[in-house]
Amino acid sequence: MKLGDRIQTADWKKEKHAPVIECPAVAPAGELFEVKVGLGKEIAHPNTVAHHIRWIELYFHPEGGKFTYDLGRFEFNAHGEGPASTHYAVTISLKIDKPGTIHALALCNLHGLWESSQEISIE
């Protein structure tokens, strides 16, 4: 079995573990734009020591391309065990010169890997 067979997907409006990708449908070619990724937009995901999101990873796959490009990994290390806690949401600035798909992976310590994707065009 491949790792990809273990990655779960769902509509983020009905599943608290599915990453929510917010970005423009059309981005200006070669210019910076923002991509926001989080969880729990419609249904809150717990953020406790016992149940939390450990990290979010972002990738870009250009349309017709052979390779997928790693955009970043963002770890969340404080889950209420002390006086601070991190929230599982990130905003990055990105520029692309080809249309493609942004993929987000998130790891829940209890419920495993979850993926969402968002196609993006360029103008």
PDB file of N, CA and C in Angstrom:
ATOM      1  N   MET A   1       0.846  -1.179   0.000  1.00  0.00           N
ATOM      2  CA  MET A   1       0.000   0.000   0.000  1.00  0.00           C
ATOM      3  C   MET A   1       0.893   1.244   0.000  1.00  0.00           C
ATOM      4  N   LYS A   2       0.516   2.236  -0.763  1.00  0.00           N
ATOM      5  CA  LYS A   2       1.256   3.493  -0.837  1.00  0.00           C
ATOM      6  C   LYS A   2       0.775   4.464   0.242  1.00  0.00           C
ATOM      7  N   LEU A   3       1.670   5.395   0.616  1.00  0.00           N
ATOM      8  CA  LEU A   3       1.300   6.408   1.599  1.00  0.00           C
ATOM      9  C   LEU A   3       0.062   7.173   1.146  1.00  0.00           C
ATOM     10  N   GLY A   4      -0.005   7.492  -0.152  1.00  0.00           N
ATOM     11  CA  GLY A   4      -1.150   8.235  -0.679  1.00  0.00           C
ATOM     12  C   GLY A   4      -2.479   7.540  -0.421  1.00  0.00           C
ATOM     13  N   ASP A   5      -2.451   6.214  -0.294  1.00  0.00           N
ATOM     14  CA  ASP A   5      -3.672   5.461  -0.001  1.00  0.00           C
ATOM     15  C   ASP A   5      -4.147   5.673   1.427  1.00  0.00           C
ATOM     16  N   ARG A   6      -3.273   6.215   2.273  1.00  0.00           N
ATOM     17  CA  ARG A   6      -3.592   6.453   3.679  1.00  0.00           C
ATOM     18  C   ARG A   6      -4.068   7.885   3.953  1.00  0.00           C
ATOM     19  N   ILE A   7      -3.978   8.742   2.951  1.00  0.00           N
ATOM     20  CA  ILE A   7      -4.364  10.140   3.130  1.00  0.00           C
ATOM     21  C   ILE A   7      -5.861  10.283   2.911  1.00  0.00           C
ATOM     22  N   GLN A   8      -6.530  10.897   3.865  1.00  0.00           N
ATOM     23  CA  GLN A   8      -7.972  11.056   3.821  1.00  0.00           C
ATOM     24  C   GLN A   8      -8.352  12.412   3.231  1.00  0.00           C
ATOM     25  N   THR A   9      -9.492  12.454   2.582  1.00  0.00           N
ATOM     26  CA  THR A   9     -10.012  13.702   2.032  1.00  0.00           C
ATOM     27  C   THR A   9     -11.490  13.817   2.399  1.00  0.00           C
ATOM     28  N   ALA A  10     -11.966  15.043   2.445  1.00  0.00           N
ATOM     29  CA  ALA A  10     -13.375  15.299   2.727  1.00  0.00           C
ATOM     30  C   ALA A  10     -13.653  16.767   2.464  1.00  0.00           C
ATOM     31  N   ASP A  11     -14.918  17.114   2.397  1.00  0.00           N
ATOM     32  CA  ASP A  11     -15.339  18.501   2.272  1.00  0.00           C
ATOM     33  C   ASP A  11     -15.119  19.181   3.620  1.00  0.00           C
ATOM     34  N   TRP A  12     -14.318  20.253   3.640  1.00  0.00           N
ATOM     35  CA  TRP A  12     -14.000  20.930   4.899  1.00  0.00           C
ATOM     36  C   TRP A  12     -15.231  21.515   5.584  1.00  0.00           C
ATOM     37  N   LYS A  13     -16.315  21.693   4.839  1.00  0.00           N
ATOM     38  CA  LYS A  13     -17.534  22.227   5.454  1.00  0.00           C
ATOM     39  C   LYS A  13     -18.220  21.177   6.332  1.00  0.00           C
ATOM     40  N   LYS A  14     -17.860  19.897   6.132  1.00  0.00           N
ATOM     41  CA  LYS A  14     -18.479  18.817   6.899  1.00  0.00           C
ATOM     42  C   LYS A  14     -17.470  18.043   7.754  1.00  0.00           C
ATOM     43  N   GLU A  15     -16.175  18.284   7.545  1.00  0.00           N
ATOM     44  CA  GLU A  15     -15.138  17.513   8.243  1.00  0.00           C
ATOM     45  C   GLU A  15     -14.092  18.444   8.833  1.00  0.00           C
ATOM     46  N   LYS A  16     -13.935  18.431  10.145  1.00  0.00           N
ATOM     47  CA  LYS A  16     -13.023  19.341  10.836  1.00  0.00           C
ATOM     48  C   LYS A  16     -11.555  19.065  10.581  1.00  0.00           C
ATOM     49  N   HIS A  17     -11.196  17.909  10.023  1.00  0.00           N
ATOM     50  CA  HIS A  17      -9.797  17.572   9.779  1.00  0.00           C
ATOM     51  C   HIS A  17      -9.290  18.002   8.402  1.00  0.00           C
ATOM     52  N   ALA A  18     -10.177  18.316   7.483  1.00  0.00           N
ATOM     53  CA  ALA A  18      -9.769  18.682   6.118  1.00  0.00           C
ATOM     54  C   ALA A  18      -9.246  20.118   6.097  1.00  0.00           C
ATOM     55  N   PRO A  19      -8.034  20.318   5.578  1.00  0.00           N
ATOM     56  CA  PRO A  19      -7.502  21.687   5.496  1.00  0.00           C
ATOM     57  C   PRO A  19      -8.377  22.580   4.612  1.00  0.00           C
ATOM     58  N   VAL A  20      -8.452  23.846   4.985  1.00  0.00           N
ATOM     59  CA  VAL A  20      -9.181  24.855   4.214  1.00  0.00           C
ATOM     60  C   VAL A  20      -8.134  25.739   3.547  1.00  0.00           C
ATOM     61  N   ILE A  21      -8.129  25.762   2.204  1.00  0.00           N
ATOM     62  CA  ILE A  21      -7.184  26.589   1.443  1.00  0.00           C
ATOM     63  C   ILE A  21      -7.933  27.807   0.941  1.00  0.00           C
ATOM     64  N   GLU A  22      -7.440  28.987   1.291  1.00  0.00           N
ATOM     65  CA  GLU A  22      -8.041  30.229   0.816  1.00  0.00           C
ATOM     66  C   GLU A  22      -6.996  30.974   0.000  1.00  0.00           C
ATOM     67  N   CYS A  23      -7.287  31.112  -1.295  1.00  0.00           N
ATOM     68  CA  CYS A  23      -6.398  31.829  -2.208  1.00  0.00           C
ATOM     69  C   CYS A  23      -7.229  32.274  -3.408  1.00  0.00           C
ATOM     70  N   PRO A  24      -6.695  33.201  -4.193  1.00  0.00           N
ATOM     71  CA  PRO A  24      -7.462  33.619  -5.366  1.00  0.00           C
ATOM     72  C   PRO A  24      -7.576  32.479  -6.381  1.00  0.00           C
ATOM     73  N   ALA A  25      -8.657  32.458  -7.125  1.00  0.00           N
ATOM     74  CA  ALA A  25      -8.818  31.470  -8.191  1.00  0.00           C
ATOM     75  C   ALA A  25      -7.883  31.776  -9.353  1.00  0.00           C
ATOM     76  N   VAL A  26      -7.571  33.066  -9.503  1.00  0.00           N
ATOM     77  CA  VAL A  26      -6.660  33.521 -10.551  1.00  0.00           C
ATOM     78  C   VAL A  26      -5.620  34.424  -9.905  1.00  0.00           C
ATOM     79  N   ALA A  27      -4.343  34.103 -10.100  1.00  0.00           N
ATOM     80  CA  ALA A  27      -3.254  34.892  -9.518  1.00  0.00           C
ATOM     81  C   ALA A  27      -2.489  35.594 -10.634  1.00  0.00           C
ATOM     82  N   PRO A  28      -1.884  36.738 -10.343  1.00  0.00           N
ATOM     83  CA  PRO A  28      -1.071  37.426 -11.339  1.00  0.00           C
ATOM     84  C   PRO A  28       0.247  36.668 -11.561  1.00  0.00           C
ATOM     85  N   ALA A  29       0.567  36.333 -12.787  1.00  0.00           N
ATOM     86  CA  ALA A  29       1.773  35.566 -13.104  1.00  0.00           C
ATOM     87  C   ALA A  29       3.020  36.268 -12.575  1.00  0.00           C
ATOM     88  N   GLY A  30       3.831  35.537 -11.811  1.00  0.00           N
ATOM     89  CA  GLY A  30       5.095  36.057 -11.316  1.00  0.00           C
ATOM     90  C   GLY A  30       5.001  37.107 -10.233  1.00  0.00           C
ATOM     91  N   GLU A  31       3.812  37.336  -9.683  1.00  0.00           N
ATOM     92  CA  GLU A  31       3.648  38.333  -8.619  1.00  0.00           C
ATOM     93  C   GLU A  31       3.165  37.658  -7.341  1.00  0.00           C
ATOM     94  N   LEU A  32       3.544  38.229  -6.207  1.00  0.00           N
ATOM     95  CA  LEU A  32       3.168  37.658  -4.919  1.00  0.00           C
ATOM     96  C   LEU A  32       1.667  37.756  -4.665  1.00  0.00           C
ATOM     97  N   PHE A  33       1.135  36.712  -4.058  1.00  0.00           N
ATOM     98  CA  PHE A  33      -0.240  36.694  -3.576  1.00  0.00           C
ATOM     99  C   PHE A  33      -0.258  35.852  -2.304  1.00  0.00           C
ATOM    100  N   GLU A  34      -1.307  35.964  -1.511  1.00  0.00           N
ATOM    101  CA  GLU A  34      -1.385  35.240  -0.248  1.00  0.00           C
ATOM    102  C   GLU A  34      -2.192  33.960  -0.367  1.00  0.00           C
ATOM    103  N   VAL A  35      -1.720  32.953   0.352  1.00  0.00           N
ATOM    104  CA  VAL A  35      -2.421  31.679   0.505  1.00  0.00           C
ATOM    105  C   VAL A  35      -2.587  31.460   2.008  1.00  0.00           C
ATOM    106  N   LYS A  36      -3.819  31.244   2.431  1.00  0.00           N
ATOM    107  CA  LYS A  36      -4.105  30.962   3.841  1.00  0.00           C
ATOM    108  C   LYS A  36      -4.590  29.525   3.951  1.00  0.00           C
ATOM    109  N   VAL A  37      -4.088  28.811   4.935  1.00  0.00           N
ATOM    110  CA  VAL A  37      -4.517  27.433   5.168  1.00  0.00           C
ATOM    111  C   VAL A  37      -4.754  27.249   6.653  1.00  0.00           C
ATOM    112  N   GLY A  38      -5.883  26.653   6.977  1.00  0.00           N
ATOM    113  CA  GLY A  38      -6.215  26.376   8.368  1.00  0.00           C
ATOM    114  C   GLY A  38      -7.163  25.193   8.444  1.00  0.00           C
ATOM    115  N   LEU A  39      -7.645  24.935   9.618  1.00  0.00           N
ATOM    116  CA  LEU A  39      -8.621  23.868   9.846  1.00  0.00           C
ATOM    117  C   LEU A  39      -9.713  24.403  10.747  1.00  0.00           C
ATOM    118  N   GLY A  40     -10.865  23.771  10.684  1.00  0.00           N
ATOM    119  CA  GLY A  40     -11.932  24.109  11.603  1.00  0.00           C
ATOM    120  C   GLY A  40     -12.705  25.364  11.263  1.00  0.00           C
ATOM    121  N   LYS A  41     -12.760  25.734  10.000  1.00  0.00           N
ATOM    122  CA  LYS A  41     -13.477  26.958   9.629  1.00  0.00           C
ATOM    123  C   LYS A  41     -14.979  26.825   9.891  1.00  0.00           C
ATOM    124  N   GLU A  42     -15.552  25.684   9.572  1.00  0.00           N
ATOM    125  CA  GLU A  42     -16.985  25.450   9.804  1.00  0.00           C
ATOM    126  C   GLU A  42     -17.227  24.647  11.082  1.00  0.00           C
ATOM    127  N   ILE A  43     -16.354  23.666  11.337  1.00  0.00           N
ATOM    128  CA  ILE A  43     -16.479  22.810  12.511  1.00  0.00           C
ATOM    129  C   ILE A  43     -15.145  22.885  13.250  1.00  0.00           C
ATOM    130  N   ALA A  44     -15.143  23.366  14.465  1.00  0.00           N
ATOM    131  CA  ALA A  44     -13.892  23.557  15.215  1.00  0.00           C
ATOM    132  C   ALA A  44     -13.177  22.233  15.465  1.00  0.00           C
ATOM    133  N   HIS A  45     -11.861  22.253  15.271  1.00  0.00           N
ATOM    134  CA  HIS A  45     -11.024  21.108  15.620  1.00  0.00           C
ATOM    135  C   HIS A  45     -10.422  21.376  16.993  1.00  0.00           C
ATOM    136  N   PRO A  46     -10.400  20.381  17.893  1.00  0.00           N
ATOM    137  CA  PRO A  46      -9.804  20.593  19.215  1.00  0.00           C
ATOM    138  C   PRO A  46      -8.323  20.980  19.124  1.00  0.00           C
ATOM    139  N   ASN A  47      -7.867  21.672  20.124  1.00  0.00           N
ATOM    140  CA  ASN A  47      -6.452  22.024  20.227  1.00  0.00           C
ATOM    141  C   ASN A  47      -6.031  21.781  21.674  1.00  0.00           C
ATOM    142  N   THR A  48      -5.965  20.492  22.018  1.00  0.00           N
ATOM    143  CA  THR A  48      -5.589  20.078  23.362  1.00  0.00           C
ATOM    144  C   THR A  48      -4.403  19.124  23.270  1.00  0.00           C
ATOM    145  N   VAL A  49      -3.789  18.852  24.394  1.00  0.00           N
ATOM    146  CA  VAL A  49      -2.681  17.900  24.418  1.00  0.00           C
ATOM    147  C   VAL A  49      -3.143  16.552  23.863  1.00  0.00           C
ATOM    148  N   ALA A  50      -4.357  16.153  24.182  1.00  0.00           N
ATOM    149  CA  ALA A  50      -4.877  14.850  23.771  1.00  0.00           C
ATOM    150  C   ALA A  50      -5.301  14.787  22.302  1.00  0.00           C
ATOM    151  N   HIS A  51      -5.682  15.920  21.708  1.00  0.00           N
ATOM    152  CA  HIS A  51      -6.224  15.925  20.339  1.00  0.00           C
ATOM    153  C   HIS A  51      -5.874  17.252  19.683  1.00  0.00           C
ATOM    154  N   HIS A  52      -4.983  17.205  18.688  1.00  0.00           N
ATOM    155  CA  HIS A  52      -4.518  18.441  18.058  1.00  0.00           C
ATOM    156  C   HIS A  52      -3.969  18.198  16.656  1.00  0.00           C
ATOM    157  N   ILE A  53      -3.745  19.295  15.942  1.00  0.00           N
ATOM    158  CA  ILE A  53      -3.080  19.264  14.637  1.00  0.00           C
ATOM    159  C   ILE A  53      -1.596  19.493  14.892  1.00  0.00           C
ATOM    160  N   ARG A  54      -0.765  18.595  14.419  1.00  0.00           N
ATOM    161  CA  ARG A  54       0.683  18.702  14.644  1.00  0.00           C
ATOM    162  C   ARG A  54       1.358  19.599  13.621  1.00  0.00           C
ATOM    163  N   TRP A  55       0.939  19.474  12.324  1.00  0.00           N
ATOM    164  CA  TRP A  55       1.565  20.285  11.282  1.00  0.00           C
ATOM    165  C   TRP A  55       0.678  20.397  10.057  1.00  0.00           C
ATOM    166  N   ILE A  56       1.000  21.391   9.233  1.00  0.00           N
ATOM    167  CA  ILE A  56       0.405  21.574   7.911  1.00  0.00           C
ATOM    168  C   ILE A  56       1.559  21.686   6.925  1.00  0.00           C
ATOM    169  N   GLU A  57       1.457  20.985   5.794  1.00  0.00           N
ATOM    170  CA  GLU A  57       2.441  21.088   4.715  1.00  0.00           C
ATOM    171  C   GLU A  57       1.742  21.591   3.467  1.00  0.00           C
ATOM    172  N   LEU A  58       2.448  22.416   2.673  1.00  0.00           N
ATOM    173  CA  LEU A  58       1.889  22.951   1.430  1.00  0.00           C
ATOM    174  C   LEU A  58       2.775  22.571   0.260  1.00  0.00           C
ATOM    175  N   TYR A  59       2.115  22.256  -0.865  1.00  0.00           N
ATOM    176  CA  TYR A  59       2.796  21.872  -2.096  1.00  0.00           C
ATOM    177  C   TYR A  59       2.131  22.556  -3.278  1.00  0.00           C
ATOM    178  N   PHE A  60       2.892  22.700  -4.371  1.00  0.00           N
ATOM    179  CA  PHE A  60       2.341  23.222  -5.622  1.00  0.00           C
ATOM    180  C   PHE A  60       2.727  22.273  -6.745  1.00  0.00           C
ATOM    181  N   HIS A  61       1.727  21.887  -7.534  1.00  0.00           N
ATOM    182  CA  HIS A  61       1.972  21.053  -8.716  1.00  0.00           C
ATOM    183  C   HIS A  61       1.527  21.834  -9.950  1.00  0.00           C
ATOM    184  N   PRO A  62       2.491  22.252 -10.799  1.00  0.00           N
ATOM    185  CA  PRO A  62       2.120  23.008 -11.998  1.00  0.00           C
ATOM    186  C   PRO A  62       1.363  22.126 -12.987  1.00  0.00           C
ATOM    187  N   GLU A  63       0.403  22.726 -13.637  1.00  0.00           N
ATOM    188  CA  GLU A  63      -0.404  22.022 -14.631  1.00  0.00           C
ATOM    189  C   GLU A  63       0.506  21.413 -15.694  1.00  0.00           C
ATOM    190  N   GLY A  64       0.349  20.120 -15.951  1.00  0.00           N
ATOM    191  CA  GLY A  64       1.148  19.423 -16.958  1.00  0.00           C
ATOM    192  C   GLY A  64       2.569  19.117 -16.511  1.00  0.00           C
ATOM    193  N   GLY A  65       2.926  19.486 -15.301  1.00  0.00           N
ATOM    194  CA  GLY A  65       4.278  19.273 -14.797  1.00  0.00           C
ATOM    195  C   GLY A  65       4.480  17.865 -14.269  1.00  0.00           C
ATOM    196  N   LYS A  66       5.729  17.450 -14.220  1.00  0.00           N
ATOM    197  CA  LYS A  66       6.070  16.132 -13.707  1.00  0.00           C
ATOM    198  C   LYS A  66       6.238  16.148 -12.191  1.00  0.00           C
ATOM    199  N   PHE A  67       6.767  17.254 -11.653  1.00  0.00           N
ATOM    200  CA  PHE A  67       7.130  17.310 -10.247  1.00  0.00           C
ATOM    201  C   PHE A  67       6.195  18.202  -9.431  1.00  0.00           C
ATOM    202  N   THR A  68       6.087  17.865  -8.158  1.00  0.00           N
ATOM    203  CA  THR A  68       5.364  18.663  -7.183  1.00  0.00           C
ATOM    204  C   THR A  68       6.402  19.395  -6.347  1.00  0.00           C
ATOM    205  N   TYR A  69       6.163  20.681  -6.053  1.00  0.00           N
ATOM    206  CA  TYR A  69       7.120  21.520  -5.346  1.00  0.00           C
ATOM    207  C   TYR A  69       6.675  21.765  -3.912  1.00  0.00           C
ATOM    208  N   ASP A  70       7.602  21.558  -2.985  1.00  0.00           N
ATOM    209  CA  ASP A  70       7.376  21.741  -1.556  1.00  0.00           C
ATOM    210  C   ASP A  70       7.396  23.239  -1.241  1.00  0.00           C
ATOM    211  N   LEU A  71       6.296  23.776  -0.723  1.00  0.00           N
ATOM    212  CA  LEU A  71       6.211  25.199  -0.377  1.00  0.00           C
ATOM    213  C   LEU A  71       6.551  25.464   1.082  1.00  0.00           C
ATOM    214  N   GLY A  72       6.318  24.500   1.957  1.00  0.00           N
ATOM    215  CA  GLY A  72       6.651  24.713   3.359  1.00  0.00           C
ATOM    216  C   GLY A  72       5.943  23.764   4.286  1.00  0.00           C
ATOM    217  N   ARG A  73       6.532  23.634   5.469  1.00  0.00           N
ATOM    218  CA  ARG A  73       5.958  22.828   6.547  1.00  0.00           C
ATOM    219  C   ARG A  73       5.872  23.727   7.767  1.00  0.00           C
ATOM    220  N   PHE A  74       4.725  23.696   8.420  1.00  0.00           N
ATOM    221  CA  PHE A  74       4.450  24.581   9.540  1.00  0.00           C
ATOM    222  C   PHE A  74       4.008  23.731  10.731  1.00  0.00           C
ATOM    223  N   GLU A  75       4.811  23.730  11.798  1.00  0.00           N
ATOM    224  CA  GLU A  75       4.540  22.903  12.964  1.00  0.00           C
ATOM    225  C   GLU A  75       3.876  23.716  14.066  1.00  0.00           C
ATOM    226  N   PHE A  76       2.985  23.051  14.794  1.00  0.00           N
ATOM    227  CA  PHE A  76       2.269  23.660  15.906  1.00  0.00           C
ATOM    228  C   PHE A  76       2.617  22.859  17.151  1.00  0.00           C
ATOM    229  N   ASN A  77       3.359  23.467  18.068  1.00  0.00           N
ATOM    230  CA  ASN A  77       3.966  22.721  19.165  1.00  0.00           C
ATOM    231  C   ASN A  77       3.385  22.990  20.542  1.00  0.00           C
ATOM    232  N   ALA A  78       2.515  23.947  20.692  1.00  0.00           N
ATOM    233  CA  ALA A  78       1.921  24.243  22.001  1.00  0.00           C
ATOM    234  C   ALA A  78       0.414  24.017  21.921  1.00  0.00           C
ATOM    235  N   HIS A  79      -0.073  23.085  22.736  1.00  0.00           N
ATOM    236  CA  HIS A  79      -1.485  22.691  22.661  1.00  0.00           C
ATOM    237  C   HIS A  79      -2.194  22.830  24.005  1.00  0.00           C
ATOM    238  N   GLY A  80      -1.836  23.868  24.744  1.00  0.00           N
ATOM    239  CA  GLY A  80      -2.521  24.139  25.994  1.00  0.00           C
ATOM    240  C   GLY A  80      -1.881  23.518  27.219  1.00  0.00           C
ATOM    241  N   GLU A  81      -0.701  22.937  27.066  1.00  0.00           N
ATOM    242  CA  GLU A  81      -0.044  22.346  28.233  1.00  0.00           C
ATOM    243  C   GLU A  81       0.676  23.380  29.093  1.00  0.00           C
ATOM    244  N   GLY A  82       0.737  24.600  28.612  1.00  0.00           N
ATOM    245  CA  GLY A  82       1.369  25.691  29.363  1.00  0.00           C
ATOM    246  C   GLY A  82       0.570  26.962  29.170  1.00  0.00           C
ATOM    247  N   PRO A  83       1.196  28.110  29.383  1.00  0.00           N
ATOM    248  CA  PRO A  83       0.472  29.377  29.294  1.00  0.00           C
ATOM    249  C   PRO A  83       0.230  29.878  27.867  1.00  0.00           C
ATOM    250  N   ALA A  84       0.704  29.143  26.854  1.00  0.00           N
ATOM    251  CA  ALA A  84       0.510  29.563  25.459  1.00  0.00           C
ATOM    252  C   ALA A  84       0.058  28.368  24.626  1.00  0.00           C
ATOM    253  N   SER A  85      -0.691  28.646  23.578  1.00  0.00           N
ATOM    254  CA  SER A  85      -1.030  27.586  22.625  1.00  0.00           C
ATOM    255  C   SER A  85      -1.051  28.171  21.223  1.00  0.00           C
ATOM    256  N   THR A  86      -0.624  27.354  20.285  1.00  0.00           N
ATOM    257  CA  THR A  86      -0.601  27.777  18.887  1.00  0.00           C
ATOM    258  C   THR A  86      -1.909  27.387  18.212  1.00  0.00           C
ATOM    259  N   HIS A  87      -2.248  28.126  17.183  1.00  0.00           N
ATOM    260  CA  HIS A  87      -3.460  27.821  16.415  1.00  0.00           C
ATOM    261  C   HIS A  87      -3.036  27.322  15.035  1.00  0.00           C
ATOM    262  N   TYR A  88      -3.687  26.295  14.556  1.00  0.00           N
ATOM    263  CA  TYR A  88      -3.345  25.636  13.299  1.00  0.00           C
ATOM    264  C   TYR A  88      -3.874  26.423  12.107  1.00  0.00           C
ATOM    265  N   ALA A  89      -3.180  27.510  11.803  1.00  0.00           N
ATOM    266  CA  ALA A  89      -3.484  28.329  10.631  1.00  0.00           C
ATOM    267  C   ALA A  89      -2.194  29.004  10.186  1.00  0.00           C
ATOM    268  N   VAL A  90      -1.995  29.098   8.866  1.00  0.00           N
ATOM    269  CA  VAL A  90      -0.798  29.734   8.317  1.00  0.00           C
ATOM    270  C   VAL A  90      -1.183  30.616   7.138  1.00  0.00           C
ATOM    271  N   THR A  91      -0.385  31.634   6.916  1.00  0.00           N
ATOM    272  CA  THR A  91      -0.517  32.492   5.737  1.00  0.00           C
ATOM    273  C   THR A  91       0.868  32.604   5.131  1.00  0.00           C
ATOM    274  N   ILE A  92       0.966  32.317   3.835  1.00  0.00           N
ATOM    275  CA  ILE A  92       2.242  32.463   3.140  1.00  0.00           C
ATOM    276  C   ILE A  92       2.048  33.358   1.923  1.00  0.00           C
ATOM    277  N   SER A  93       3.133  33.963   1.494  1.00  0.00           N
ATOM    278  CA  SER A  93       3.144  34.695   0.223  1.00  0.00           C
ATOM    279  C   SER A  93       3.789  33.788  -0.805  1.00  0.00           C
ATOM    280  N   LEU A  94       3.221  33.773  -1.995  1.00  0.00           N
ATOM    281  CA  LEU A  94       3.641  32.835  -3.028  1.00  0.00           C
ATOM    282  C   LEU A  94       3.579  33.517  -4.371  1.00  0.00           C
ATOM    283  N   LYS A  95       4.444  33.136  -5.300  1.00  0.00           N
ATOM    284  CA  LYS A  95       4.283  33.552  -6.688  1.00  0.00           C
ATOM    285  C   LYS A  95       4.504  32.345  -7.572  1.00  0.00           C
ATOM    286  N   ILE A  96       3.722  32.276  -8.632  1.00  0.00           N
ATOM    287  CA  ILE A  96       3.794  31.170  -9.585  1.00  0.00           C
ATOM    288  C   ILE A  96       3.811  31.745 -10.995  1.00  0.00           C
ATOM    289  N   ASP A  97       4.380  30.988 -11.927  1.00  0.00           N
ATOM    290  CA  ASP A  97       4.383  31.447 -13.312  1.00  0.00           C
ATOM    291  C   ASP A  97       3.631  30.494 -14.233  1.00  0.00           C
ATOM    292  N   LYS A  98       2.987  29.486 -13.631  1.00  0.00           N
ATOM    293  CA  LYS A  98       2.164  28.541 -14.381  1.00  0.00           C
ATOM    294  C   LYS A  98       0.928  28.235 -13.547  1.00  0.00           C
ATOM    295  N   PRO A  99      -0.178  27.917 -14.191  1.00  0.00           N
ATOM    296  CA  PRO A  99      -1.343  27.464 -13.417  1.00  0.00           C
ATOM    297  C   PRO A  99      -1.039  26.100 -12.806  1.00  0.00           C
ATOM    298  N   GLY A 100      -1.805  25.725 -11.811  1.00  0.00           N
ATOM    299  CA  GLY A 100      -1.601  24.416 -11.196  1.00  0.00           C
ATOM    300  C   GLY A 100      -2.508  24.206 -10.014  1.00  0.00           C
ATOM    301  N   THR A 101      -2.055  23.366  -9.089  1.00  0.00           N
ATOM    302  CA  THR A 101      -2.856  22.994  -7.936  1.00  0.00           C
ATOM    303  C   THR A 101      -2.032  23.152  -6.664  1.00  0.00           C
ATOM    304  N   ILE A 102      -2.628  23.795  -5.676  1.00  0.00           N
ATOM    305  CA  ILE A 102      -2.033  23.877  -4.349  1.00  0.00           C
ATOM    306  C   ILE A 102      -2.625  22.734  -3.535  1.00  0.00           C
ATOM    307  N   HIS A 103      -1.748  21.978  -2.890  1.00  0.00           N
ATOM    308  CA  HIS A 103      -2.152  20.870  -2.030  1.00  0.00           C
ATOM    309  C   HIS A 103      -1.767  21.207  -0.599  1.00  0.00           C
ATOM    310  N   ALA A 104      -2.658  20.903   0.340  1.00  0.00           N
ATOM    311  CA  ALA A 104      -2.374  21.079   1.762  1.00  0.00           C
ATOM    312  C   ALA A 104      -2.583  19.742   2.463  1.00  0.00           C
ATOM    313  N   LEU A 105      -1.608  19.354   3.261  1.00  0.00           N
ATOM    314  CA  LEU A 105      -1.700  18.159   4.098  1.00  0.00           C
ATOM    315  C   LEU A 105      -1.686  18.605   5.553  1.00  0.00           C
ATOM    316  N   ALA A 106      -2.491  17.956   6.373  1.00  0.00           N
ATOM    317  CA  ALA A 106      -2.497  18.248   7.804  1.00  0.00           C
ATOM    318  C   ALA A 106      -2.472  16.920   8.556  1.00  0.00           C
ATOM    319  N   LEU A 107      -1.753  16.899   9.681  1.00  0.00           N
ATOM    320  CA  LEU A 107      -1.675  15.692  10.492  1.00  0.00           C
ATOM    321  C   LEU A 107      -2.340  15.916  11.840  1.00  0.00           C
ATOM    322  N   CYS A 108      -3.389  15.155  12.088  1.00  0.00           N
ATOM    323  CA  CYS A 108      -4.047  15.123  13.399  1.00  0.00           C
ATOM    324  C   CYS A 108      -3.414  13.979  14.189  1.00  0.00           C
ATOM    325  N   ASN A 109      -3.058  14.221  15.434  1.00  0.00           N
ATOM    326  CA  ASN A 109      -2.390  13.187  16.217  1.00  0.00           C
ATOM    327  C   ASN A 109      -3.280  11.965  16.458  1.00  0.00           C
ATOM    328  N   LEU A 110      -4.602  12.106  16.356  1.00  0.00           N
ATOM    329  CA  LEU A 110      -5.506  10.969  16.570  1.00  0.00           C
ATOM    330  C   LEU A 110      -6.088  10.388  15.284  1.00  0.00           C
ATOM    331  N   HIS A 111      -6.285  11.231  14.269  1.00  0.00           N
ATOM    332  CA  HIS A 111      -7.036  10.803  13.093  1.00  0.00           C
ATOM    333  C   HIS A 111      -6.242  10.806  11.802  1.00  0.00           C
ATOM    334  N   GLY A 112      -4.920  10.978  11.879  1.00  0.00           N
ATOM    335  CA  GLY A 112      -4.053  10.785  10.732  1.00  0.00           C
ATOM    336  C   GLY A 112      -3.969  11.947   9.764  1.00  0.00           C
ATOM    337  N   LEU A 113      -3.567  11.610   8.533  1.00  0.00           N
ATOM    338  CA  LEU A 113      -3.304  12.586   7.467  1.00  0.00           C
ATOM    339  C   LEU A 113      -4.566  12.946   6.702  1.00  0.00           C
ATOM    340  N   TRP A 114      -4.686  14.248   6.412  1.00  0.00           N
ATOM    341  CA  TRP A 114      -5.819  14.770   5.646  1.00  0.00           C
ATOM    342  C   TRP A 114      -5.290  15.708   4.572  1.00  0.00           C
ATOM    343  N   GLU A 115      -5.934  15.687   3.405  1.00  0.00           N
ATOM    344  CA  GLU A 115      -5.489  16.524   2.293  1.00  0.00           C
ATOM    345  C   GLU A 115      -6.659  17.270   1.680  1.00  0.00           C
ATOM    346  N   SER A 116      -6.354  18.495   1.231  1.00  0.00           N
ATOM    347  CA  SER A 116      -7.267  19.276   0.401  1.00  0.00           C
ATOM    348  C   SER A 116      -6.434  19.875  -0.728  1.00  0.00           C
ATOM    349  N   SER A 117      -7.104  20.269  -1.793  1.00  0.00           N
ATOM    350  CA  SER A 117      -6.394  20.896  -2.905  1.00  0.00           C
ATOM    351  C   SER A 117      -7.239  22.012  -3.497  1.00  0.00           C
ATOM    352  N   GLN A 118      -6.557  22.939  -4.161  1.00  0.00           N
ATOM    353  CA  GLN A 118      -7.225  24.080  -4.785  1.00  0.00           C
ATOM    354  C   GLN A 118      -6.521  24.398  -6.085  1.00  0.00           C
ATOM    355  N   GLU A 119      -7.253  24.364  -7.185  1.00  0.00           N
ATOM    356  CA  GLU A 119      -6.673  24.742  -8.475  1.00  0.00           C
ATOM    357  C   GLU A 119      -6.546  26.259  -8.535  1.00  0.00           C
ATOM    358  N   ILE A 120      -5.499  26.697  -9.235  1.00  0.00           N
ATOM    359  CA  ILE A 120      -5.267  28.128  -9.374  1.00  0.00           C
ATOM    360  C   ILE A 120      -4.780  28.408 -10.785  1.00  0.00           C
ATOM    361  N   SER A 121      -5.349  29.451 -11.394  1.00  0.00           N
ATOM    362  CA  SER A 121      -4.970  29.872 -12.743  1.00  0.00           C
ATOM    363  C   SER A 121      -4.092  31.127 -12.625  1.00  0.00           C
ATOM    364  N   ILE A 122      -3.490  31.512 -13.737  1.00  0.00           N
ATOM    365  CA  ILE A 122      -2.712  32.751 -13.740  1.00  0.00           C
ATOM    366  C   ILE A 122      -3.262  33.675 -14.821  1.00  0.00           C
ATOM    367  N   GLU A 123      -3.000  34.974 -14.627  1.00  0.00           N
ATOM    368  CA  GLU A 123      -3.427  35.965 -15.633  1.00  0.00           C
ATOM    369  C   GLU A 123      -2.216  36.694 -16.159  1.00  0.00           C
TER     370      GLU A 123
END
